[in-house]
C-alpha cells in the first residue's frame, strides 16, 4: 500500500483525493502567510518580505497568484533600477 502511494499517477485510485488535498493545504498555508503579511503592513514586521512569500506559496497552485507575483517582481526590479539611478542625478547638482 505504501509503495503504491509513492507512485501516484492518474490511474491510482487516490490520485484525485491527493490533488484536492494538496490544493487545499497549499491554499490554507498560502492564505495564512499572505494574511499575516497584510497584517504586518499595520503591525511591526517585514510585510515586504512576507506578502511575496505568501503569493509564492499560492502560485504553486493558482495562476492568479503567479500573475500578481510577476507584477510585484517587475515593480521591485523597476524600483531597484530607479534607486540605482537616483544618486547619479544628485551628482549633477
N, C-alpha and C. Protein backbone atom coordinates (compact mmCIF):
# COMPACT_ATOMS: atom_id res chain seq x y z
N UNK A 1 0.83 -1.20 0.00
CA UNK A 1 0.00 0.00 0.00
C UNK A 1 0.86 1.25 0.00
N UNK A 2 1.89 1.29 0.86
CA UNK A 2 2.74 2.47 0.96
C UNK A 2 3.51 2.70 -0.33
N UNK A 3 3.97 1.64 -0.96
CA UNK A 3 4.68 1.78 -2.22
C UNK A 3 3.77 2.36 -3.29
N UNK A 4 2.51 1.96 -3.29
CA UNK A 4 1.60 2.47 -4.32
C UNK A 4 1.27 3.93 -4.09
N UNK A 5 1.34 4.41 -2.85
CA UNK A 5 1.09 5.83 -2.59
C UNK A 5 2.25 6.71 -3.06
N UNK A 6 3.45 6.14 -3.11
CA UNK A 6 4.60 6.92 -3.59
C UNK A 6 4.53 7.18 -5.08
N UNK A 7 3.91 6.30 -5.81
CA UNK A 7 3.83 6.45 -7.26
C UNK A 7 2.39 6.78 -7.64
N UNK A 8 1.97 7.96 -7.26
CA UNK A 8 0.61 8.38 -7.62
C UNK A 8 0.61 8.89 -9.05
N UNK A 9 -0.03 8.18 -9.91
CA UNK A 9 -0.25 8.67 -11.26
C UNK A 9 -1.76 8.75 -11.47
N UNK A 10 -2.15 9.16 -12.62
CA UNK A 10 -3.58 9.39 -12.88
C UNK A 10 -4.43 8.12 -12.75
N UNK A 11 -3.81 6.97 -12.86
CA UNK A 11 -4.59 5.74 -12.77
C UNK A 11 -4.77 5.26 -11.33
N UNK A 12 -4.04 5.85 -10.40
CA UNK A 12 -4.15 5.45 -8.99
C UNK A 12 -5.49 5.90 -8.42
N UNK A 13 -6.15 5.07 -7.62
CA UNK A 13 -7.49 5.43 -7.11
C UNK A 13 -7.46 6.64 -6.15
N UNK A 14 -6.34 6.91 -5.52
CA UNK A 14 -6.26 8.04 -4.59
C UNK A 14 -5.69 9.32 -5.22
N UNK A 15 -5.43 9.28 -6.52
CA UNK A 15 -4.80 10.43 -7.18
C UNK A 15 -5.65 11.69 -7.07
N UNK A 16 -6.91 11.58 -7.33
CA UNK A 16 -7.79 12.75 -7.30
C UNK A 16 -7.89 13.33 -5.88
N UNK A 17 -8.01 12.47 -4.87
CA UNK A 17 -8.06 12.93 -3.48
C UNK A 17 -6.74 13.60 -3.09
N UNK A 18 -5.63 13.06 -3.55
CA UNK A 18 -4.32 13.64 -3.28
C UNK A 18 -4.22 15.04 -3.86
N UNK A 19 -4.65 15.20 -5.10
CA UNK A 19 -4.58 16.53 -5.76
C UNK A 19 -5.44 17.55 -5.03
N UNK A 20 -6.64 17.15 -4.62
CA UNK A 20 -7.54 18.07 -3.91
C UNK A 20 -6.95 18.42 -2.54
N UNK A 21 -6.43 17.43 -1.84
CA UNK A 21 -5.84 17.68 -0.52
C UNK A 21 -4.62 18.58 -0.64
N UNK A 22 -3.80 18.36 -1.64
CA UNK A 22 -2.62 19.19 -1.86
C UNK A 22 -3.02 20.63 -2.14
N UNK A 23 -4.04 20.81 -2.96
CA UNK A 23 -4.50 22.16 -3.30
C UNK A 23 -5.06 22.87 -2.06
N UNK A 24 -5.79 22.14 -1.22
CA UNK A 24 -6.36 22.73 0.00
C UNK A 24 -5.25 23.14 0.97
N UNK A 25 -4.25 22.27 1.14
CA UNK A 25 -3.15 22.59 2.06
C UNK A 25 -2.36 23.79 1.57
N UNK A 26 -2.07 23.84 0.28
CA UNK A 26 -1.33 24.98 -0.27
C UNK A 26 -2.15 26.25 -0.12
N UNK A 27 -3.45 26.18 -0.34
CA UNK A 27 -4.31 27.36 -0.19
C UNK A 27 -4.34 27.83 1.26
N UNK A 28 -4.48 26.92 2.20
CA UNK A 28 -4.52 27.30 3.61
C UNK A 28 -3.21 27.93 4.06
N UNK A 29 -2.10 27.31 3.73
CA UNK A 29 -0.81 27.84 4.14
C UNK A 29 -0.53 29.17 3.43
N UNK A 30 -0.79 29.22 2.14
CA UNK A 30 -0.52 30.44 1.38
C UNK A 30 -1.36 31.62 1.85
N UNK A 31 -2.66 31.40 2.04
CA UNK A 31 -3.51 32.50 2.50
C UNK A 31 -3.17 32.91 3.93
N UNK A 32 -2.76 31.96 4.76
CA UNK A 32 -2.35 32.31 6.12
C UNK A 32 -1.12 33.21 6.11
N UNK A 33 -0.12 32.84 5.32
CA UNK A 33 1.08 33.66 5.22
C UNK A 33 0.75 35.02 4.61
N UNK A 34 -0.09 35.03 3.60
CA UNK A 34 -0.48 36.29 2.97
C UNK A 34 -1.22 37.20 3.94
N UNK A 35 -2.13 36.65 4.73
CA UNK A 35 -2.86 37.45 5.71
C UNK A 35 -1.94 37.99 6.80
N UNK A 36 -0.99 37.19 7.23
CA UNK A 36 0.00 37.67 8.20
C UNK A 36 0.80 38.82 7.60
N UNK A 37 1.16 38.71 6.34
CA UNK A 37 1.88 39.78 5.66
C UNK A 37 1.06 41.05 5.55
N UNK A 38 -0.21 40.91 5.24
CA UNK A 38 -1.09 42.10 5.17
C UNK A 38 -1.23 42.72 6.55
N UNK A 39 -1.33 41.91 7.58
CA UNK A 39 -1.40 42.43 8.95
C UNK A 39 -0.11 43.17 9.31
N UNK A 40 1.01 42.72 8.76
CA UNK A 40 2.28 43.37 9.06
C UNK A 40 2.42 44.74 8.41
N UNK A 41 1.51 45.09 7.52
CA UNK A 41 1.51 46.45 6.98
C UNK A 41 1.21 47.43 8.11
N UNK A 42 0.29 47.04 8.98
CA UNK A 42 -0.09 47.89 10.11
C UNK A 42 0.78 47.57 11.32
N UNK A 43 0.96 46.30 11.60
CA UNK A 43 1.75 45.85 12.74
C UNK A 43 3.23 45.86 12.37
N UNK A 44 4.11 45.89 13.37
CA UNK A 44 5.54 45.85 13.04
C UNK A 44 5.93 44.48 12.48
N UNK A 45 6.67 44.52 11.41
CA UNK A 45 7.12 43.27 10.80
C UNK A 45 7.49 43.48 9.34
N UNK A 46 8.14 42.51 8.74
CA UNK A 46 8.62 42.62 7.36
C UNK A 46 7.54 42.26 6.33
N UNK A 47 6.54 43.10 6.20
CA UNK A 47 5.45 42.83 5.26
C UNK A 47 5.94 42.72 3.83
N UNK A 48 6.98 43.49 3.50
CA UNK A 48 7.52 43.49 2.14
C UNK A 48 8.10 42.12 1.78
N UNK A 49 8.50 41.37 2.76
CA UNK A 49 9.05 40.03 2.53
C UNK A 49 7.95 38.97 2.61
N UNK A 50 7.04 39.12 3.56
CA UNK A 50 6.06 38.06 3.85
C UNK A 50 4.96 38.01 2.78
N UNK A 51 4.54 39.14 2.26
CA UNK A 51 3.47 39.13 1.24
C UNK A 51 3.92 38.41 -0.03
N UNK A 52 5.10 38.71 -0.59
CA UNK A 52 5.54 37.92 -1.75
C UNK A 52 5.76 36.44 -1.42
N UNK A 53 6.15 36.14 -0.19
CA UNK A 53 6.30 34.75 0.20
C UNK A 53 4.95 34.02 0.16
N UNK A 54 3.91 34.67 0.68
CA UNK A 54 2.56 34.09 0.62
C UNK A 54 2.09 33.91 -0.82
N UNK A 55 2.36 34.91 -1.66
CA UNK A 55 1.99 34.78 -3.07
C UNK A 55 2.78 33.69 -3.76
N UNK A 56 4.04 33.53 -3.35
CA UNK A 56 4.86 32.46 -3.92
C UNK A 56 4.30 31.08 -3.59
N UNK A 57 3.85 30.92 -2.36
CA UNK A 57 3.24 29.65 -1.96
C UNK A 57 1.95 29.42 -2.74
N UNK A 58 1.13 30.46 -2.84
CA UNK A 58 -0.13 30.32 -3.58
C UNK A 58 0.10 30.09 -5.07
N UNK A 59 1.20 30.63 -5.61
CA UNK A 59 1.45 30.49 -7.05
C UNK A 59 1.79 29.05 -7.44
N UNK A 60 2.04 28.19 -6.46
CA UNK A 60 2.27 26.78 -6.78
C UNK A 60 1.02 26.13 -7.37
N UNK A 61 -0.15 26.64 -7.02
CA UNK A 61 -1.40 26.04 -7.48
C UNK A 61 -2.32 27.01 -8.21
N UNK A 62 -2.15 28.31 -8.05
CA UNK A 62 -3.12 29.26 -8.59
C UNK A 62 -2.45 30.23 -9.56
N UNK A 63 -3.00 30.34 -10.75
CA UNK A 63 -2.43 31.21 -11.79
C UNK A 63 -2.55 32.68 -11.42
N UNK A 64 -3.64 33.08 -10.76
CA UNK A 64 -3.80 34.50 -10.41
C UNK A 64 -2.69 34.95 -9.45
N UNK A 65 -2.26 34.08 -8.54
CA UNK A 65 -1.18 34.42 -7.62
C UNK A 65 0.14 34.53 -8.38
N UNK A 66 0.33 33.67 -9.38
CA UNK A 66 1.53 33.73 -10.22
C UNK A 66 1.59 35.05 -10.97
N UNK A 67 0.43 35.52 -11.46
CA UNK A 67 0.38 36.81 -12.16
C UNK A 67 0.70 37.97 -11.22
N UNK A 68 0.11 37.97 -10.03
CA UNK A 68 0.38 39.03 -9.05
C UNK A 68 1.84 39.03 -8.64
N UNK A 69 2.42 37.85 -8.46
CA UNK A 69 3.82 37.74 -8.07
C UNK A 69 4.71 38.30 -9.18
N UNK A 70 4.36 38.04 -10.42
CA UNK A 70 5.11 38.59 -11.55
C UNK A 70 5.04 40.10 -11.59
N UNK A 71 3.86 40.66 -11.32
CA UNK A 71 3.72 42.12 -11.29
C UNK A 71 4.54 42.73 -10.16
N UNK A 72 4.52 42.09 -9.00
CA UNK A 72 5.30 42.59 -7.86
C UNK A 72 6.79 42.52 -8.19
N UNK A 73 7.21 41.44 -8.81
CA UNK A 73 8.62 41.28 -9.18
C UNK A 73 9.05 42.36 -10.17
N UNK A 74 8.20 42.65 -11.16
CA UNK A 74 8.52 43.69 -12.13
C UNK A 74 8.61 45.06 -11.47
N UNK A 75 7.68 45.37 -10.57
CA UNK A 75 7.72 46.66 -9.87
C UNK A 75 8.95 46.77 -8.98
N UNK A 76 9.34 45.67 -8.35
CA UNK A 76 10.54 45.69 -7.50
C UNK A 76 11.79 45.92 -8.34
N UNK A 77 11.85 45.29 -9.50
CA UNK A 77 13.00 45.49 -10.37
C UNK A 77 13.08 46.93 -10.87
N UNK A 78 11.93 47.51 -11.24
CA UNK A 78 11.94 48.90 -11.71
C UNK A 78 12.27 49.86 -10.57
N UNK A 79 11.80 49.56 -9.35
CA UNK A 79 12.13 50.41 -8.21
C UNK A 79 13.62 50.31 -7.88
N UNK A 80 14.18 49.12 -8.01
CA UNK A 80 15.61 48.95 -7.77
C UNK A 80 16.42 49.70 -8.82
N UNK A 81 15.94 49.69 -10.05
CA UNK A 81 16.62 50.44 -11.11
C UNK A 81 16.55 51.94 -10.88
N UNK A 82 15.43 52.42 -10.40
CA UNK A 82 15.29 53.85 -10.10
C UNK A 82 16.18 54.26 -8.94
N UNK A 83 16.31 53.40 -7.95
CA UNK A 83 17.14 53.75 -6.79
C UNK A 83 18.62 53.75 -7.17
N UNK A 84 19.01 52.96 -8.14
CA UNK A 84 20.41 52.97 -8.59
C UNK A 84 20.72 54.22 -9.39
N UNK A 85 19.74 54.72 -10.13
CA UNK A 85 19.96 55.91 -10.95
C UNK A 85 19.83 57.20 -10.14
N UNK A 86 19.18 57.19 -9.02
CA UNK A 86 18.95 58.40 -8.24
C UNK A 86 20.24 59.06 -7.77
N UNK A 87 21.24 58.37 -7.25
CA UNK A 87 22.46 59.06 -6.83
C UNK A 87 23.21 59.74 -7.98
N UNK A 88 23.11 59.20 -9.17
CA UNK A 88 23.75 59.83 -10.32
C UNK A 88 23.11 61.18 -10.62
N UNK A 89 21.81 61.29 -10.45
CA UNK A 89 21.12 62.56 -10.69
C UNK A 89 21.51 63.58 -9.64
N UNK A 90 21.77 63.15 -8.42
CA UNK A 90 22.16 64.08 -7.36
C UNK A 90 23.57 64.61 -7.59
N UNK A 91 24.43 63.87 -8.25
CA UNK A 91 25.81 64.32 -8.51
C UNK A 91 25.83 65.51 -9.45
N UNK A 92 24.85 65.59 -10.35
CA UNK A 92 24.82 66.69 -11.31
C UNK A 92 24.52 68.01 -10.64
N UNK A 93 23.87 67.99 -9.52
CA UNK A 93 23.51 69.23 -8.83
C UNK A 93 24.66 69.75 -8.11
